[in-house]
């Protein structure tokens, strides 16, 4: 078949060489904006010349990209890379390009990132592994402080912020882990035993609101230098009137001690042999202060005294087995004015009220059966023990009061049972121990109501018990405190 003039054998217009004869092009400049471009000298040889002509002819500015219609592909448009692809009566689409996103979008993105970063940094100051309730509280505090950040489409105005903060905290922890942050590196897979090398297995993190759960070593100190200080402590404790030197060295080795407790989980006997200076009434109080940023015995006693009258009222109103088990305790309480004995009675009655055995938590022995007492104490997991002289009643001061953990006597010659209970709580924190199951509700109340630590998360049984306090009281002091988190979102 011979070629018809102007068409090839496939019935398509012959391609016109760039720059040879005049050409006309259909220009799609935008939606509902189509123009005709006449090129008297033909299609330019370079793409830049064609772009210049289009801009001049139609008064266009900015960065343009051209696409041409290809009939071989059903008239689809393809990016134009060379003018040889064009022919007379072809179609070109003009695409307006933006080298940078709109300023308002870029600004909004940076502002959102800055807000999340700063809130995440502040949250981390208080807790490296915040829980769901903490994220909710932080998000709500953020929109309360800055109402303009409230999300119109969210059911509470802050749900989206909560979700963003969760992801941001994860990313922030990853960044700190790469920088060698000890509290986060301890949970890396490399730091775990082979059997525990899973991201969610045996995560070492604060579980009872510890403020300094896994602190960094003091600047300039290493494992070797701190081990040297520990060895010096073994000598210092044998020197009289050396409390100040011991206190300074104990403070300097706090992080080293915490790493040992968390990483190695040593037995009580081994840890006591390595750190004998810790096992004194003063140092347990100080260690708790370092760990929790809260005084131990002072706060414990103040809260116990404040709640005692209400506790007594509620326990007296309880009937059934609870009344029978607390009858002797209440009789002793009524017969004494000694503050230490009254505190002891309240704590015993509280344990009974919570459905636990006070006699197993506070073990009492006579001095005449010292050998039997010693054998019994060696079998105990955790308890306060009281040694009384034979023939003397509860009104008389005990011969000795102490604490035993894992069968090891860790403290003795304490001033009162209430003090021993407070110090036992402090040792549980200092040694990173779990609450003993037979007394977990008693210790939970001591922690969350008396010491006011991590109050937002309570077991169902403790909540029911506190509800009983509320139901039988006209006083509001036993109301479960609302979630109060010190997230300083005002940094924004």
Protein backbone atom coordinates (compact mmCIF):
# COMPACT_ATOMS: atom_id res chain seq x y z
CA UNK A 1 0.00 0.00 0.00
CA UNK A 2 1.42 3.31 -1.09
CA UNK A 3 1.68 6.13 1.40
CA UNK A 4 -1.03 8.78 1.17
CA UNK A 5 0.48 12.26 1.27
CA UNK A 6 0.98 13.33 4.90
CA UNK A 7 0.23 9.88 6.37
CA UNK A 8 2.30 6.76 6.84
CA UNK A 9 1.33 3.18 6.06
CA UNK A 10 -0.49 2.85 9.43
CA UNK A 11 -2.78 5.80 8.68
CA UNK A 12 -1.05 8.06 11.22
CA UNK A 13 0.36 11.51 10.47
CA UNK A 14 3.99 11.42 9.52
CA UNK A 15 6.36 12.73 12.18
CA UNK A 16 7.62 16.20 11.40
CA UNK A 17 11.27 16.74 12.21
CA UNK A 18 11.81 19.45 14.76
CA UNK A 19 12.42 22.85 13.21
CA UNK A 20 11.55 21.84 9.59
CA UNK A 21 8.00 23.08 8.84
CA UNK A 22 5.35 25.10 10.72
CA UNK A 23 3.45 23.18 13.41
CA UNK A 24 0.36 23.60 15.51
CA UNK A 25 -0.10 22.09 18.95
CA UNK A 26 -3.11 21.68 21.22
CA UNK A 27 -2.16 23.08 24.67
CA UNK A 28 -4.01 21.95 27.82
CA UNK A 29 -3.09 24.65 30.33
CA UNK A 30 -5.48 23.60 33.05
CA UNK A 31 -8.98 22.40 33.75
CA UNK A 32 -11.32 23.99 31.16
CA UNK A 33 -8.38 25.97 29.76
CA UNK A 34 -7.26 24.79 26.31
CA UNK A 35 -5.31 26.91 23.80
CA UNK A 36 -3.73 26.46 20.36
CA UNK A 37 -0.02 27.06 19.93
CA UNK A 38 1.24 27.95 16.43
CA UNK A 39 4.94 27.45 15.76
CA UNK A 40 5.83 29.18 12.40
CA UNK A 41 9.36 27.72 12.44
CA UNK A 42 8.26 24.27 13.47
CA UNK A 43 8.75 22.40 16.73
CA UNK A 44 11.91 23.60 18.56
CA UNK A 45 14.78 21.18 18.71
CA UNK A 46 15.29 21.50 22.49
CA UNK A 47 12.82 21.09 25.32
CA UNK A 48 14.06 24.26 26.98
CA UNK A 49 13.28 26.31 23.84
CA UNK A 50 9.77 24.83 23.73
CA UNK A 51 9.19 25.64 27.39
CA UNK A 52 10.40 29.20 26.86
CA UNK A 53 8.04 29.65 23.90
CA UNK A 54 5.06 28.30 25.88
CA UNK A 55 5.79 30.57 28.85
CA UNK A 56 6.15 33.64 26.60
CA UNK A 57 3.06 32.88 24.52
CA UNK A 58 0.68 32.18 27.39
CA UNK A 59 2.30 34.31 30.10
CA UNK A 60 3.08 31.36 32.38
CA UNK A 61 5.53 31.52 35.30
CA UNK A 62 7.15 29.09 37.68
CA UNK A 63 8.31 25.54 37.10
CA UNK A 64 6.48 23.68 34.35
CA UNK A 65 6.49 20.06 33.30
CA UNK A 66 5.16 18.97 29.90
CA UNK A 67 3.32 15.80 29.01
CA UNK A 68 2.40 14.66 25.48
CA UNK A 69 -0.47 12.48 24.29
CA UNK A 70 0.69 9.15 22.89
CA UNK A 71 -1.79 7.57 20.48
CA UNK A 72 -0.04 4.20 20.69
CA UNK A 73 -1.19 3.95 24.34
CA UNK A 74 -4.80 4.99 24.02
CA UNK A 75 -4.09 8.72 24.13
CA UNK A 76 -2.56 8.53 27.59
CA UNK A 77 -0.23 11.32 28.66
CA UNK A 78 3.49 10.72 29.25
CA UNK A 79 6.22 13.00 30.53
CA UNK A 80 7.95 14.77 27.67
CA UNK A 81 11.72 14.34 27.75
CA UNK A 82 12.54 15.27 24.13
CA UNK A 83 10.79 17.29 21.41
CA UNK A 84 11.34 14.42 18.94
CA UNK A 85 8.30 12.80 20.51
CA UNK A 86 6.12 15.64 19.18
CA UNK A 87 4.40 16.03 15.82
CA UNK A 88 2.14 18.53 14.13
CA UNK A 89 -1.38 18.62 15.57
CA UNK A 90 -0.17 16.86 18.71
CA UNK A 91 -1.48 17.52 22.23
CA UNK A 92 0.57 18.82 25.14
CA UNK A 93 -0.52 19.13 28.78
CA UNK A 94 1.17 21.71 31.01
CA UNK A 95 1.78 20.63 34.64
CA UNK A 96 2.51 23.36 37.18
CA UNK A 97 5.09 22.15 39.71
CA UNK A 98 5.81 23.40 43.23
CA UNK A 99 9.37 22.95 44.39
CA UNK A 100 8.35 23.48 48.06
CA UNK A 101 5.11 22.55 49.83
CA UNK A 102 2.86 25.42 50.87
CA UNK A 103 4.35 27.44 53.70
CA UNK A 104 1.37 26.91 55.96
CA UNK A 105 1.64 23.10 55.66
CA UNK A 106 5.36 23.10 56.40
CA UNK A 107 4.87 25.37 59.40
CA UNK A 108 2.06 23.21 60.75
CA UNK A 109 4.14 20.06 60.41
CA UNK A 110 7.12 21.59 62.22
CA UNK A 111 4.91 22.94 64.99
CA UNK A 112 3.26 19.54 65.50
CA UNK A 113 6.67 17.84 65.65
CA UNK A 114 8.01 20.40 68.13
CA UNK A 115 4.99 20.02 70.42
CA UNK A 116 5.25 16.24 70.49
CA UNK A 117 9.00 16.34 71.04
CA UNK A 118 8.81 18.74 73.97
CA UNK A 119 5.94 16.92 75.66
CA UNK A 120 7.74 13.58 75.17
CA UNK A 121 10.88 15.02 76.78
CA UNK A 122 8.91 16.24 79.78
CA UNK A 123 7.08 12.93 80.16
CA UNK A 124 10.39 11.08 80.09
CA UNK A 125 11.64 13.17 83.00
CA UNK A 126 8.97 11.51 85.13
CA UNK A 127 8.54 8.09 83.54
CA UNK A 128 10.43 6.32 80.77
CA UNK A 129 7.61 3.82 80.20
CA UNK A 130 4.33 5.71 80.71
CA UNK A 131 1.07 3.78 80.70
CA UNK A 132 -2.21 4.42 78.91
CA UNK A 133 -3.57 6.55 81.74
CA UNK A 134 -0.45 8.73 81.69
CA UNK A 135 -0.81 9.43 77.95
CA UNK A 136 -4.48 10.29 78.45
CA UNK A 137 -3.63 12.66 81.28
CA UNK A 138 -0.84 14.32 79.30
CA UNK A 139 -3.04 14.79 76.20
CA UNK A 140 -5.91 16.21 78.26
CA UNK A 141 -3.56 18.56 80.10
CA UNK A 142 -2.16 19.74 76.76
CA UNK A 143 -5.50 20.77 75.26
CA UNK A 144 -6.64 22.24 78.58
CA UNK A 145 -3.56 24.46 78.66
CA UNK A 146 -3.87 25.26 74.95
CA UNK A 147 -7.53 25.03 73.81
CA UNK A 148 -6.49 25.89 70.25
CA UNK A 149 -4.96 22.39 70.00
CA UNK A 150 -8.28 20.65 70.66
CA UNK A 151 -9.23 18.32 67.82
CA UNK A 152 -12.72 19.05 66.41
CA UNK A 153 -13.24 15.49 65.13
CA UNK A 154 -12.14 13.71 68.31
CA UNK A 155 -14.70 12.42 70.81
CA UNK A 156 -12.83 14.10 73.65
CA UNK A 157 -10.67 16.54 71.73
CA UNK A 158 -7.43 14.82 72.70
CA UNK A 159 -7.57 11.23 71.43
CA UNK A 160 -5.35 11.98 68.43
CA UNK A 161 -2.79 13.69 70.67
CA UNK A 162 -2.71 10.65 72.93
CA UNK A 163 -1.99 8.34 70.00
CA UNK A 164 0.71 10.64 68.61
CA UNK A 165 2.37 10.87 72.03
CA UNK A 166 2.50 7.07 72.32
CA UNK A 167 4.36 6.77 69.00
CA UNK A 168 6.56 9.77 69.80
CA UNK A 169 7.59 8.29 73.16
CA UNK A 170 8.56 5.06 71.41
CA UNK A 171 10.71 6.96 68.93
CA UNK A 172 12.21 9.10 71.69
CA UNK A 173 13.19 6.03 73.71
CA UNK A 174 14.83 4.56 70.59
CA UNK A 175 16.89 7.73 70.13
CA UNK A 176 18.01 7.70 73.78
CA UNK A 177 18.83 4.01 73.59
CA UNK A 178 21.13 4.67 70.62
CA UNK A 179 22.83 7.34 72.74
CA UNK A 180 23.49 4.77 75.48
CA UNK A 181 20.84 5.70 78.07
CA UNK A 182 21.22 2.97 80.77
CA UNK A 183 17.52 2.82 81.72
CA UNK A 184 16.68 1.91 78.11
CA UNK A 185 19.77 -0.06 77.12
CA UNK A 186 19.07 -2.53 79.93
CA UNK A 187 16.03 -3.70 77.93
CA UNK A 188 17.82 -4.08 74.60
CA UNK A 189 17.96 -7.62 73.22
CA UNK A 190 21.77 -7.60 73.53
CA UNK A 191 21.47 -7.04 77.28
CA UNK A 192 19.12 -9.97 77.83
CA UNK A 193 19.89 -13.63 78.31
CA UNK A 194 19.40 -15.82 75.24
CA UNK A 195 16.26 -17.39 76.68
CA UNK A 196 14.76 -13.95 77.32
CA UNK A 197 15.80 -12.28 74.06
CA UNK A 198 12.31 -11.09 73.16
CA UNK A 199 11.27 -7.40 73.12
CA UNK A 200 8.37 -7.85 75.56
CA UNK A 201 9.96 -10.44 77.88
CA UNK A 202 11.35 -9.44 81.28
CA UNK A 203 11.23 -5.72 80.57
CA UNK A 204 13.03 -3.97 83.42
CA UNK A 205 11.11 -0.82 84.13
CA UNK A 206 9.51 0.98 87.08
CA UNK A 207 6.47 -0.95 88.31
CA UNK A 208 5.69 0.92 91.51
CA UNK A 209 6.28 4.53 90.49
CA UNK A 210 10.06 4.56 91.09
CA UNK A 211 11.52 7.95 90.17
CA UNK A 212 15.13 6.70 89.77
CA UNK A 213 14.65 3.07 88.81
CA UNK A 214 17.86 2.62 86.77
CA UNK A 215 20.00 5.77 87.11
CA UNK A 216 23.19 6.54 85.19
CA UNK A 217 26.56 6.34 86.88
CA UNK A 218 27.91 9.62 88.28
CA UNK A 219 29.99 11.57 85.76
CA UNK A 220 33.52 10.23 85.60
CA UNK A 221 32.69 6.98 87.39
CA UNK A 222 32.98 3.46 85.94
CA UNK A 223 32.22 -0.05 87.11
CA UNK A 224 35.78 -0.44 88.34
CA UNK A 225 35.89 2.87 90.21
CA UNK A 226 32.53 2.24 91.89
CA UNK A 227 33.53 -1.29 92.84
CA UNK A 228 36.56 0.24 94.52
CA UNK A 229 34.28 2.56 96.52
CA UNK A 230 32.15 -0.44 97.53
CA UNK A 231 35.20 -2.22 98.87
CA UNK A 232 36.16 0.89 100.81
CA UNK A 233 32.70 0.87 102.38
CA UNK A 234 33.37 -2.56 103.83
CA UNK A 235 36.22 -1.01 105.78
CA UNK A 236 34.47 2.23 106.66
CA UNK A 237 31.56 0.53 108.46
CA UNK A 238 34.00 -0.84 111.02
CA UNK A 239 35.17 2.65 112.02
CA UNK A 240 33.34 4.43 114.84
CA UNK A 241 31.62 7.79 114.29
CA UNK A 242 32.03 7.45 110.55
CA UNK A 243 28.43 7.97 109.49
CA UNK A 244 29.12 10.97 107.24
CA UNK A 245 31.79 9.18 105.19
CA UNK A 246 29.56 6.13 104.83
CA UNK A 247 26.59 8.28 103.77
CA UNK A 248 28.65 10.01 101.07
CA UNK A 249 29.96 6.73 99.67
CA UNK A 250 26.51 5.17 99.72
CA UNK A 251 25.13 8.13 97.80
CA UNK A 252 27.96 7.90 95.26
CA UNK A 253 27.33 4.18 94.67
CA UNK A 254 23.52 4.37 94.43
CA UNK A 255 23.44 3.84 90.65
CA UNK A 256 25.94 0.97 90.89
CA UNK A 257 23.76 -0.67 93.56
CA UNK A 258 20.60 -0.24 91.49
CA UNK A 259 22.23 -1.80 88.41
CA UNK A 260 23.27 -4.78 90.53
CA UNK A 261 19.81 -5.22 92.02
CA UNK A 262 17.97 -4.90 88.69
CA UNK A 263 20.39 -6.83 86.47
CA UNK A 264 21.56 -9.63 88.74
CA UNK A 265 18.64 -10.04 91.18
CA UNK A 266 21.00 -11.30 93.91
CA UNK A 267 19.89 -13.26 96.96
CA UNK A 268 19.32 -11.22 100.11
CA UNK A 269 22.24 -12.85 101.91
CA UNK A 270 24.66 -12.16 99.04
CA UNK A 271 23.50 -8.58 98.71
CA UNK A 272 23.75 -7.99 102.45
CA UNK A 273 27.31 -9.34 102.42
CA UNK A 274 28.25 -6.95 99.59
CA UNK A 275 26.37 -3.91 100.92
CA UNK A 276 26.14 -4.21 104.73
CA UNK A 277 25.98 -0.42 105.12
CA UNK A 278 22.54 -0.38 103.47
CA UNK A 279 20.94 -2.45 106.21
CA UNK A 280 20.43 0.23 108.84
CA UNK A 281 17.32 2.20 109.63
CA UNK A 282 18.86 5.48 108.48
CA UNK A 283 20.22 4.12 105.20
CA UNK A 284 16.97 2.38 104.25
CA UNK A 285 15.20 5.72 104.66
CA UNK A 286 17.87 7.47 102.61
CA UNK A 287 17.87 4.82 99.87
CA UNK A 288 14.10 5.11 99.55
CA UNK A 289 14.44 8.88 99.27
CA UNK A 290 16.99 8.47 96.47
CA UNK A 291 14.80 5.98 94.65
CA UNK A 292 11.38 7.56 95.10
CA UNK A 293 12.13 11.25 95.87
CA UNK A 294 9.72 10.83 98.82
CA UNK A 295 10.57 10.48 102.54
CA UNK A 296 9.77 7.04 103.90
CA UNK A 297 9.06 6.89 107.63
CA UNK A 298 8.01 10.52 108.04
CA UNK A 299 5.32 10.28 105.40
CA UNK A 300 4.26 6.78 106.39
CA UNK A 301 3.68 7.79 110.02
CA UNK A 302 1.95 11.04 109.11
CA UNK A 303 -0.49 9.29 106.78
CA UNK A 304 -1.07 6.43 109.21
CA UNK A 305 -1.92 8.86 112.00
CA UNK A 306 -4.15 10.92 109.74
CA UNK A 307 -6.21 7.90 108.64
CA UNK A 308 -6.19 5.95 111.90
CA UNK A 309 -9.43 7.31 113.38
CA UNK A 310 -11.36 6.61 110.21
CA UNK A 311 -9.81 3.17 109.82
CA UNK A 312 -10.78 2.26 113.37
CA UNK A 313 -14.34 3.47 112.80
CA UNK A 314 -14.76 1.42 109.63
CA UNK A 315 -13.18 -1.73 111.07
CA UNK A 316 -15.39 -1.57 114.17
CA UNK A 317 -18.45 -1.42 111.92
CA UNK A 318 -17.43 -4.60 110.13
CA UNK A 319 -19.21 -7.74 111.33
CA UNK A 320 -18.78 -11.49 110.86
CA UNK A 321 -15.35 -13.10 110.83
CA UNK A 322 -13.58 -9.74 110.58
CA UNK A 323 -15.09 -8.59 113.89
CA UNK A 324 -14.08 -11.82 115.61
CA UNK A 325 -10.50 -11.67 114.31
CA UNK A 326 -10.07 -8.01 115.27
CA UNK A 327 -11.73 -8.23 118.70
CA UNK A 328 -8.50 -8.69 120.67
CA UNK A 329 -6.74 -6.06 118.57
CA UNK A 330 -9.51 -3.53 119.28
CA UNK A 331 -9.44 -4.36 122.99
CA UNK A 332 -5.71 -3.66 123.11
CA UNK A 333 -6.26 -0.42 121.20
CA UNK A 334 -8.88 0.72 123.73
CA UNK A 335 -6.61 -0.01 126.68
CA UNK A 336 -3.52 1.90 125.55
CA UNK A 337 -2.51 5.47 124.91
CA UNK A 338 0.96 4.55 123.66
CA UNK A 339 1.23 5.87 120.10
CA UNK A 340 3.48 3.05 118.90
CA UNK A 341 1.15 0.33 120.16
CA UNK A 342 -1.90 2.09 118.74
CA UNK A 343 -0.22 2.28 115.33
CA UNK A 344 0.62 -1.42 115.59
CA UNK A 345 -3.02 -2.26 116.34
CA UNK A 346 -4.26 -0.21 113.38
CA UNK A 347 -1.87 -1.95 110.99
CA UNK A 348 -2.84 -5.40 112.26
CA UNK A 349 -6.54 -4.58 111.98
CA UNK A 350 -6.02 -3.22 108.48
CA UNK A 351 -4.44 -6.48 107.33
CA UNK A 352 -7.39 -8.45 108.75
CA UNK A 353 -9.87 -6.04 107.16
CA UNK A 354 -8.19 -6.71 103.80
CA UNK A 355 -8.65 -10.45 104.26
CA UNK A 356 -5.03 -11.24 105.13
CA UNK A 357 -3.42 -12.82 108.20
CA UNK A 358 -1.81 -10.19 110.41
CA UNK A 359 -0.10 -12.88 112.49
CA UNK A 360 1.88 -14.04 109.46
CA UNK A 361 2.98 -10.50 108.60
CA UNK A 362 3.88 -9.57 112.20
CA UNK A 363 5.35 -12.62 113.91
CA UNK A 364 5.53 -12.56 117.72
CA UNK A 365 7.81 -14.73 119.87
CA UNK A 366 8.90 -15.04 123.50
CA UNK A 367 12.52 -14.62 124.43
CA UNK A 368 12.44 -17.93 126.23
CA UNK A 369 11.96 -19.71 122.90
CA UNK A 370 14.75 -17.94 121.04
CA UNK A 371 16.03 -21.10 119.33
CA UNK A 372 12.58 -22.07 118.05
CA UNK A 373 12.01 -18.49 116.92
CA UNK A 374 15.30 -18.46 115.02
CA UNK A 375 14.44 -21.69 113.20
CA UNK A 376 11.00 -20.34 112.32
CA UNK A 377 12.37 -17.04 111.03
CA UNK A 378 14.81 -18.85 108.77
CA UNK A 379 11.85 -20.38 106.94
CA UNK A 380 10.02 -17.10 106.35
CA UNK A 381 9.94 -15.28 103.03
CA UNK A 382 9.20 -11.88 104.52
CA UNK A 383 7.91 -10.68 107.90
CA UNK A 384 8.27 -8.30 110.80
CA UNK A 385 9.23 -10.10 114.01
CA UNK A 386 8.65 -9.04 117.61
CA UNK A 387 10.47 -10.65 120.57
CA UNK A 388 8.76 -10.13 123.93
CA UNK A 389 9.93 -11.04 127.39
CA UNK A 390 8.09 -13.94 128.91
CA UNK A 391 5.45 -12.77 131.34
CA UNK A 392 5.19 -9.23 129.93
CA UNK A 393 2.10 -8.01 128.09
CA UNK A 394 1.61 -5.88 125.00
CA UNK A 395 1.80 -2.73 127.09
CA UNK A 396 5.47 -3.37 127.78
CA UNK A 397 8.15 -2.46 125.20
CA UNK A 398 9.30 -5.51 123.20
CA UNK A 399 12.75 -6.99 123.68
CA UNK A 400 13.45 -6.64 119.96
CA UNK A 401 11.70 -5.73 116.74
CA UNK A 402 13.20 -6.58 113.37
CA UNK A 403 12.68 -7.64 109.75
CA UNK A 404 13.46 -10.92 108.04
CA UNK A 405 13.56 -11.43 104.25
CA UNK A 406 14.29 -14.79 102.61
CA UNK A 407 15.14 -16.17 106.04
CA UNK A 408 17.79 -13.49 106.61
CA UNK A 409 17.54 -10.99 109.45
CA UNK A 410 18.10 -7.67 107.69
CA UNK A 411 17.19 -5.21 110.46
CA UNK A 412 16.74 -5.42 114.22
CA UNK A 413 16.45 -3.22 117.31
CA UNK A 414 13.81 -1.08 115.65
CA UNK A 415 11.69 1.34 117.65
CA UNK A 416 8.20 0.09 116.77
CA UNK A 417 6.18 -2.32 114.65
CA UNK A 418 4.87 0.59 112.58
CA UNK A 419 8.44 1.68 111.88
CA UNK A 420 9.32 -1.90 110.92
CA UNK A 421 6.39 -2.04 108.47
CA UNK A 422 7.50 1.21 106.86
CA UNK A 423 11.10 -0.01 106.61
CA UNK A 424 9.97 -3.35 105.16
CA UNK A 425 8.15 -1.42 102.43
CA UNK A 426 11.34 0.60 101.87
CA UNK A 427 13.45 -2.56 101.58
CA UNK A 428 11.03 -4.06 99.07
CA UNK A 429 11.63 -1.00 96.91
CA UNK A 430 15.38 -0.82 97.52
CA UNK A 431 15.88 -4.52 96.72
CA UNK A 432 13.39 -4.50 93.81
CA UNK A 433 11.30 -7.28 95.35
CA UNK A 434 7.73 -8.27 94.61
CA UNK A 435 5.10 -7.99 97.31
CA UNK A 436 4.58 -11.35 99.05
CA UNK A 437 1.30 -12.80 97.80
CA UNK A 438 -0.20 -13.40 101.26
CA UNK A 439 0.10 -9.65 102.02
CA UNK A 440 -0.12 -8.03 98.61
CA UNK A 441 -3.30 -6.10 99.42
CA UNK A 442 -1.88 -4.75 102.68
CA UNK A 443 1.27 -3.54 100.94
CA UNK A 444 -0.79 -2.10 98.11
CA UNK A 445 -2.73 0.05 100.56
CA UNK A 446 0.49 1.06 102.33
CA UNK A 447 1.99 2.11 98.99
CA UNK A 448 -0.95 3.75 97.28
CA UNK A 449 -2.96 5.21 100.15
CA UNK A 450 -0.38 5.87 102.85
CA UNK A 451 2.63 6.69 100.64
CA UNK A 452 0.42 8.02 97.79
CA UNK A 453 2.47 6.31 95.07
CA UNK A 454 0.83 5.23 91.79
CA UNK A 455 -2.68 5.76 93.12
CA UNK A 456 -4.44 5.57 89.76
CA UNK A 457 -3.83 1.82 89.39
CA UNK A 458 -5.36 -0.32 92.13
CA UNK A 459 -6.48 -3.93 92.32
CA UNK A 460 -10.25 -4.58 92.34
CA UNK A 461 -10.14 -5.84 95.94
CA UNK A 462 -8.39 -2.74 97.20
CA UNK A 463 -10.88 -0.54 95.36
CA UNK A 464 -13.76 -2.41 97.02
CA UNK A 465 -12.15 -1.99 100.43
CA UNK A 466 -11.65 1.72 99.90
CA UNK A 467 -15.25 1.95 98.72
CA UNK A 468 -16.25 0.47 102.08
CA UNK A 469 -14.27 3.21 103.79
CA UNK A 470 -16.12 5.81 101.76
CA UNK A 471 -19.55 4.25 102.28
CA UNK A 472 -19.19 4.24 106.06
CA UNK A 473 -17.65 7.66 106.37
CA UNK A 474 -18.94 11.21 106.14
CA UNK A 475 -15.35 12.29 105.76
CA UNK A 476 -13.98 12.70 102.24
CA UNK A 477 -10.40 11.81 103.20
CA UNK A 478 -10.87 8.20 102.10
CA UNK A 479 -11.95 9.05 98.61
CA UNK A 480 -9.67 7.48 96.04
CA UNK A 481 -7.58 10.40 94.84
CA UNK A 482 -8.02 11.36 91.19
CA UNK A 483 -5.19 10.73 88.81
CA UNK A 484 -2.74 13.52 89.40
CA UNK A 485 0.25 13.45 87.10
CA UNK A 486 2.89 16.11 87.21
CA UNK A 487 3.30 16.37 83.45
CA UNK A 488 4.47 19.99 83.02
CA UNK A 489 2.72 20.51 79.69
CA UNK A 490 2.95 24.24 80.25
CA UNK A 491 6.35 24.11 78.59
CA UNK A 492 4.64 24.64 75.26
